[in-house]
Protein backbone atom coordinates (compact mmCIF):
# COMPACT_ATOMS: atom_id res chain seq x y z
CA MET A 1 7.40 -8.44 -18.97
CA PRO A 2 10.90 -6.94 -18.66
CA GLU A 3 13.55 -8.77 -16.74
CA GLU A 4 13.39 -7.83 -13.08
CA VAL A 5 16.37 -6.62 -11.10
CA ILE A 6 16.77 -7.69 -7.46
CA ARG A 7 19.16 -5.65 -5.35
CA THR A 8 20.23 -6.41 -1.78
CA LEU A 9 21.36 -3.51 0.40
CA ARG A 10 22.47 -3.10 4.01
CA VAL A 11 21.64 -0.45 6.59
CA ASP A 12 22.88 -0.37 10.19
CA GLY A 13 23.82 -4.04 10.02
CA LEU A 14 20.53 -5.21 8.47
CA SER A 15 20.05 -6.79 5.06
CA TYR A 16 17.05 -5.89 2.92
CA SER A 17 16.10 -6.03 -0.76
CA TYR A 18 14.20 -4.25 -3.45
CA ARG A 19 12.84 -5.36 -6.81
CA LEU A 20 12.94 -3.14 -9.90
CA LEU A 21 11.04 -3.50 -13.13
CA PRO A 22 12.92 -1.02 -15.34
CA GLN A 23 11.06 1.21 -17.78
CA PRO A 24 13.33 2.78 -20.45
CA ASP A 25 10.45 4.93 -21.75
CA ALA A 26 9.37 6.20 -18.33
CA ARG A 27 7.22 9.34 -18.24
CA THR A 28 7.92 10.05 -14.58
CA GLU A 29 10.20 9.11 -11.71
CA PRO A 30 10.21 5.47 -10.54
CA VAL A 31 7.26 4.42 -8.38
CA LEU A 32 8.15 2.81 -5.07
CA VAL A 33 5.31 0.69 -3.63
CA LEU A 34 5.14 -0.02 0.12
CA GLY A 35 2.48 -2.34 1.50
CA GLY A 36 1.38 -3.89 4.78
CA ALA A 37 3.63 -5.14 7.56
CA LEU A 38 3.52 -8.77 6.35
CA GLN A 39 3.17 -7.97 2.64
CA GLY A 40 6.15 -8.90 0.50
CA MET A 41 7.52 -7.25 -2.60
CA TYR A 42 5.82 -9.67 -5.02
CA GLY A 43 2.23 -8.81 -4.12
CA TRP A 44 1.48 -6.02 -6.62
CA PRO A 45 0.59 -7.53 -10.03
CA GLN A 46 -1.99 -4.81 -10.74
CA MET A 47 0.72 -2.18 -10.46
CA GLU A 48 2.84 -4.12 -12.91
CA ASP A 49 -0.04 -4.05 -15.40
CA HIS A 50 -0.94 -0.37 -15.12
CA VAL A 51 1.88 1.58 -13.50
CA HIS A 52 4.90 -0.08 -15.08
CA PRO A 53 3.97 1.05 -18.62
CA VAL A 54 4.66 4.66 -17.52
CA ALA A 55 7.39 4.28 -14.89
CA GLY A 56 9.99 2.02 -13.42
CA LEU A 57 8.27 0.01 -10.70
CA VAL A 58 10.00 -0.67 -7.40
CA THR A 59 8.76 -2.91 -4.58
CA ALA A 60 10.73 -3.56 -1.42
CA ASP A 61 11.14 -5.68 1.66
CA LEU A 62 12.37 -2.95 3.99
CA PRO A 63 14.12 -3.82 7.27
CA GLY A 64 11.60 -5.52 9.53
CA MET A 65 9.31 -6.44 6.61
CA GLY A 66 9.00 -9.47 4.34
CA THR A 67 12.25 -11.35 3.86
CA ALA A 68 14.46 -8.57 5.26
CA ASP A 69 16.24 -8.81 8.59
CA PRO A 70 14.10 -7.85 11.61
CA LEU A 71 14.62 -4.50 13.25
CA ARG A 72 16.44 -4.52 16.56
CA PRO A 73 14.62 -3.04 19.60
CA GLU A 74 16.60 0.21 19.50
CA GLN A 75 15.95 0.80 15.79
CA ASP A 76 12.92 2.83 14.71
CA SER A 77 11.08 4.16 11.68
CA ALA A 78 13.93 6.56 10.92
CA LEU A 79 15.93 3.54 9.84
CA MET A 80 13.26 2.60 7.31
CA CYS A 81 13.47 6.12 5.90
CA THR A 82 17.23 5.72 5.60
CA ALA A 83 16.66 2.39 3.82
CA ILE A 84 14.27 4.06 1.37
CA GLU A 85 16.79 6.81 0.69
CA GLN A 86 19.45 4.17 0.01
CA ILE A 87 17.12 2.59 -2.54
CA ILE A 88 16.69 5.98 -4.23
CA ASP A 89 20.46 6.43 -4.32
CA ASP A 90 20.98 2.91 -5.63
CA LEU A 91 18.49 3.60 -8.44
CA GLY A 92 20.63 6.58 -9.43
CA VAL A 93 17.75 9.06 -9.35
CA ALA A 94 17.13 12.22 -7.36
CA ARG A 95 13.53 11.43 -6.40
CA VAL A 96 10.87 8.73 -6.57
CA ASN A 97 7.10 8.64 -6.46
CA VAL A 98 5.92 6.71 -3.40
CA PHE A 99 2.72 4.67 -3.08
CA GLY A 100 2.10 3.56 0.49
CA TYR A 101 -0.83 1.43 1.61
CA SER A 102 -2.00 0.63 5.14
CA TYR A 103 1.14 0.17 7.29
CA GLY A 104 3.16 1.18 4.23
CA ALA A 105 1.27 4.50 4.15
CA ALA A 106 2.59 5.36 7.61
CA VAL A 107 6.13 4.39 6.57
CA ALA A 108 5.86 6.50 3.40
CA PHE A 109 4.45 9.50 5.25
CA GLY A 110 7.23 9.45 7.84
CA CYS A 111 9.86 9.29 5.12
CA ALA A 112 8.25 12.19 3.24
CA GLN A 113 8.33 14.25 6.43
CA ARG A 114 12.03 13.54 6.97
CA ARG A 115 13.22 13.86 3.38
CA PRO A 116 10.56 15.69 1.30
CA GLY A 117 13.12 16.57 -1.35
CA ARG A 118 13.48 12.92 -2.31
CA ILE A 119 9.74 12.39 -2.89
CA ALA A 120 8.28 13.55 -6.21
CA ARG A 121 4.66 12.62 -5.40
CA LEU A 122 3.04 10.82 -2.49
CA LEU A 123 0.02 8.55 -2.81
CA LEU A 124 -1.33 7.13 0.46
CA GLY A 125 -4.19 4.64 0.79
CA GLY A 126 -5.92 2.95 3.72
CA VAL A 127 -4.03 5.19 6.14
CA PRO A 128 -4.16 3.71 9.69
CA ALA A 129 -5.23 6.99 11.30
CA GLY A 130 -6.85 6.88 14.74
CA ILE A 131 -6.57 3.15 15.44
CA THR A 132 -8.52 2.39 18.63
CA ASP A 133 -7.44 0.43 21.70
CA ALA A 134 -10.18 -2.11 20.94
CA GLN A 135 -8.75 -2.72 17.46
CA LEU A 136 -5.25 -3.17 18.84
CA ALA A 137 -6.55 -5.60 21.46
CA TYR A 138 -8.21 -7.71 18.75
CA TRP A 139 -5.07 -7.83 16.60
CA ARG A 140 -3.02 -8.77 19.66
CA LEU A 141 -5.36 -11.69 20.21
CA ALA A 142 -4.74 -12.71 16.60
CA ALA A 143 -0.99 -12.45 17.16
CA ASP A 144 -1.37 -14.63 20.25
CA ARG A 145 -2.78 -17.39 18.05
CA LEU A 146 0.34 -17.22 15.92
CA SER A 147 2.50 -17.26 19.03
CA ALA A 148 0.64 -20.39 20.11
CA VAL A 149 1.53 -21.99 16.76
CA HIS A 150 -1.94 -21.75 15.28
CA PRO A 151 -1.13 -19.83 12.06
CA ASP A 152 -4.43 -20.77 10.43
CA GLU A 153 -6.40 -19.20 13.29
CA PHE A 154 -4.17 -16.13 13.20
CA ALA A 155 -4.72 -15.73 9.44
CA ALA A 156 -8.50 -16.07 9.78
CA MET A 157 -8.70 -13.48 12.57
CA ALA A 158 -6.29 -11.02 10.99
CA ALA A 159 -8.00 -11.27 7.59
CA ALA A 160 -11.45 -10.65 9.06
CA ALA A 161 -10.43 -7.60 11.12
CA PRO A 162 -10.00 -5.09 8.25
CA LEU A 163 -13.14 -6.16 6.38
CA CYS A 164 -16.51 -4.45 6.45
CA THR A 165 -18.82 -7.29 7.46
CA ASP A 166 -22.01 -5.21 7.35
CA GLU A 167 -23.90 -6.97 4.57
CA SER A 168 -26.12 -3.90 4.11
CA ARG A 169 -23.09 -2.12 2.66
CA HIS A 170 -22.12 -3.53 -0.69
CA VAL A 171 -18.41 -4.27 -0.94
CA HIS A 172 -17.20 -5.39 -4.33
CA ARG A 173 -15.45 -8.78 -4.15
CA ARG A 174 -15.71 -8.78 -0.34
CA HIS A 175 -15.47 -12.54 0.13
CA LEU A 176 -12.86 -12.96 -2.58
CA ALA A 177 -10.69 -10.34 -0.85
CA GLU A 178 -11.09 -12.07 2.51
CA ARG A 179 -10.01 -15.44 1.08
CA TYR A 180 -7.04 -13.87 -0.66
CA VAL A 181 -5.89 -11.98 2.43
CA ARG A 182 -6.30 -15.08 4.60
CA ARG A 183 -4.16 -17.16 2.26
CA THR A 184 -1.56 -14.42 1.98
CA LEU A 185 -1.31 -14.00 5.75
CA LEU A 186 -1.09 -17.72 6.31
CA TYR A 187 1.73 -17.93 3.78
CA ALA A 188 3.55 -14.98 5.36
CA ALA A 189 3.08 -16.29 8.89
CA THR A 190 4.54 -19.68 8.03
CA ARG A 191 7.32 -18.48 5.72
CA THR A 192 8.55 -15.35 7.53
CA PRO A 193 10.86 -16.43 10.37
CA HIS A 194 10.34 -13.20 12.29
CA ALA A 195 6.59 -12.74 11.69
CA LEU A 196 5.91 -12.30 15.41
CA ASN A 197 8.59 -9.62 15.60
CA VAL A 198 6.95 -7.78 12.70
CA LEU A 199 3.51 -7.97 14.32
CA ASP A 200 4.80 -6.87 17.71
CA ARG A 201 6.42 -3.79 16.23
CA ALA A 202 3.38 -2.91 14.11
CA LEU A 203 1.04 -3.22 17.10
CA ASN A 204 3.15 -1.82 19.90
CA LYS A 205 5.37 0.76 18.19
CA LYS A 206 2.88 2.58 16.01
CA LEU A 207 4.28 4.97 13.42
CA SER A 208 3.33 8.60 13.90
CA LEU A 209 0.94 10.28 11.50
CA ASP A 210 1.18 13.65 13.23
CA GLY A 211 3.04 16.78 12.29
CA GLY A 212 1.66 17.47 8.84
CA LEU A 213 3.58 17.80 5.59
CA SER A 214 4.23 20.45 2.95
CA GLY A 215 6.14 20.67 -0.29
CA VAL A 216 5.13 17.24 -1.64
CA PRO A 217 2.16 16.77 -4.03
CA ALA A 218 -0.05 14.22 -2.26
CA LEU A 219 -3.23 12.23 -2.73
CA VAL A 220 -4.92 10.27 0.05
CA PHE A 221 -7.63 7.70 -0.69
CA CYS A 222 -9.57 4.99 1.09
CA GLY A 223 -12.49 2.63 0.71
CA GLU A 224 -15.84 4.24 1.48
CA HIS A 225 -16.56 1.44 3.99
CA ASP A 226 -13.09 1.25 5.54
CA THR A 227 -13.61 0.11 9.15
CA VAL A 228 -9.93 0.09 10.13
CA SER A 229 -9.79 3.86 9.82
CA PRO A 230 -13.06 5.42 8.66
CA PRO A 231 -12.99 7.93 5.80
CA SER A 232 -13.63 10.82 8.20
CA ARG A 233 -10.37 10.12 10.02
CA GLN A 234 -8.42 9.68 6.82
CA ARG A 235 -9.89 12.90 5.43
CA ALA A 236 -8.74 14.72 8.57
CA PHE A 237 -5.28 13.22 8.13
CA ALA A 238 -5.21 14.34 4.49
CA ALA A 239 -6.04 17.88 5.63
CA SER A 240 -2.71 17.94 7.50
CA ILE A 241 -0.87 17.65 4.15
CA ALA A 242 -0.70 21.03 2.43
CA GLY A 243 -2.42 21.03 -0.95
CA SER A 244 -3.37 17.35 -0.82
CA ARG A 245 -6.44 15.79 -2.33
CA PHE A 246 -8.67 13.17 -0.71
CA LEU A 247 -11.08 10.73 -2.33
CA THR A 248 -12.95 7.55 -1.50
CA VAL A 249 -13.25 4.41 -3.60
CA PRO A 250 -16.90 3.33 -3.70
CA GLU A 251 -18.04 -0.16 -2.73
CA THR A 252 -14.76 -1.06 -1.03
CA ASP A 253 -13.45 -1.37 2.53
CA HIS A 254 -9.86 -1.41 3.82
CA TRP A 255 -8.87 -3.72 0.97
CA ALA A 256 -9.72 -1.32 -1.84
CA VAL A 257 -6.42 -2.30 -3.50
CA LEU A 258 -7.85 -5.82 -3.92
CA GLU A 259 -11.54 -5.14 -4.40
CA ARG A 260 -10.97 -2.42 -7.03
CA ALA A 261 -7.40 -3.31 -7.93
CA GLU A 262 -7.50 -2.10 -11.53
CA GLU A 263 -9.13 1.23 -10.69
CA VAL A 264 -6.61 1.95 -7.93
CA ALA A 265 -3.71 1.07 -10.22
CA VAL A 266 -5.05 3.33 -12.99
CA LEU A 267 -5.55 6.10 -10.45
CA THR A 268 -1.92 5.69 -9.38
CA ALA A 269 -0.64 5.80 -12.95
CA ARG A 270 -2.55 9.00 -13.65
CA PHE A 271 -1.45 10.71 -10.45
CA VAL A 272 2.26 10.00 -10.80
CA THR A 273 2.28 11.22 -14.41
CA GLY A 274 0.54 14.47 -13.52
CA ARG A 275 -2.63 13.72 -15.44
CA PRO A 276 -6.09 14.75 -14.15
CA VAL A 277 -7.20 12.54 -11.29
CA PRO A 278 -10.92 11.78 -11.55
CA THR A 279 -13.55 11.36 -8.92
CA PHE A 280 -14.64 7.75 -8.88
CA PRO A 281 -18.03 7.39 -10.57
CA ALA A 282 -20.87 5.29 -9.26
CA LEU A 283 -19.92 1.69 -9.93
CA PRO A 284 -22.30 -0.83 -11.49
CA ALA A 285 -24.20 -3.25 -9.30
CA PRO A 286 -22.70 -6.75 -9.16
CA VAL A 287 -24.03 -9.34 -11.58
CA PRO A 288 -23.93 -13.13 -11.34
CA PRO A 289 -20.57 -14.51 -12.57
CA GLN A 290 -22.20 -16.44 -15.40
CA ALA A 291 -23.82 -13.25 -16.71
CA ALA A 292 -20.77 -11.00 -16.41
CA THR A 293 -18.97 -10.12 -19.62
CA HIS A 294 -16.74 -7.26 -18.57
CA ARG A 295 -16.55 -4.70 -15.81
CA ARG A 296 -16.89 -1.02 -16.60
CA PRO A 297 -13.51 0.61 -15.96
CA LEU A 298 -12.93 3.77 -14.02
CA GLN A 299 -14.07 6.68 -16.17
CA THR A 300 -11.21 9.11 -16.67
CA ALA A 301 -10.68 12.29 -18.57
CA PRO A 302 -8.54 11.83 -21.67
CA GLY A 303 -4.84 12.44 -21.10
CA PRO A 304 -1.79 12.74 -23.26
CA ARG A 305 -0.58 9.60 -24.97
CA ARG A 306 2.76 8.57 -26.32
CA GLY A 307 3.01 5.34 -28.24
CA THR A 308 1.47 2.50 -26.23
CA THR A 309 2.76 3.39 -22.80
CA THR A 310 -0.40 5.01 -21.41
CA PRO A 311 -2.53 2.54 -19.41
CA GLY A 312 -5.68 4.58 -19.10
C-alpha cells in the first residue's frame, strides 16, 4: 500500500480534507469517490484493492460531511462543487473520474452539471431518485432518536431503512450488510459532532437530480432490489444523461457496494479505464459458509493489460 497523502483545504470559511493514494503508473485520471452523508473518507477498502492499481484514488470529507466543517444555512450544493473543483486543482490535474454513491451520487451529478469539463467520466450508484414523503418521514423519525441521544436506536432504524427486507428476494450478504451499516452509522453518529446538522440538510435540503446532463461519459447502476429508489426510477434518471448506460447488480439492494463490493469495484476500474463494461451475469446461489471455497467473480471480457496494474 502506497503512503497516503492527506490534504486540508478551505472554501468559504470552511475546512475540509481529502485523502489521496497516488498511482505513478495510472492508466486514467484520478478517481474521486463520494459516499453517503455520514460516510467518511476511509470507508472504501474495495476501491483501494481494485481501482487504485489503475488510478490515483481520492476520497474526501467535503464541507458538511464526515470530519469537515458543517455547512452554514446559506450555503448550498454549489459550495460542494466548488470544493470538488479545488480538490481537482490541488491534485494538479485538468479532470478527474467521479464515483458517487447514494447521497454522493447527487453531489457528483450536480457538480458534473455545473462543471462538466472537469469530469472525465461519471459513475453513479444507488441514486436517490424519487424519494417519497413516507421515506423522508421515516428517516426523520430516525434522526429524532439521535436528537434524543439514543444513537443506537438511530443507527438501527437508519440501517434498516435502505435494506430490502423481503425474504422472498435473495440479497447477497443482506444481514452482514445491515450489521456493517448499523455499526458504521453508530460510529459516525457518536464521533461526528455535527451529525444532526448533516442529517437535517440531507433530509430537508434535497439535492436536485433534474436538468439532465450531456458531454460526460456516464454509467448509472443500482441493486436489482433497491427499495430506496427502485431500478425503474434510477433507469429514468439515467435516461436524462445523454449517452449514458444503466445496469442493475443482481441479488443486491441499496447496499450493492457492500453486498457485491468486489464486483462493483471491478466494474468501476473497467469503466474509468475505458474498457468494455459487462452486463452482470447470473450470480451463484449462496452456499453454507463451511462449504464455501471461493466466490465466482464478475465475468468480464478480456481487456488490455500492462504489467500487473490491471485488476480484472
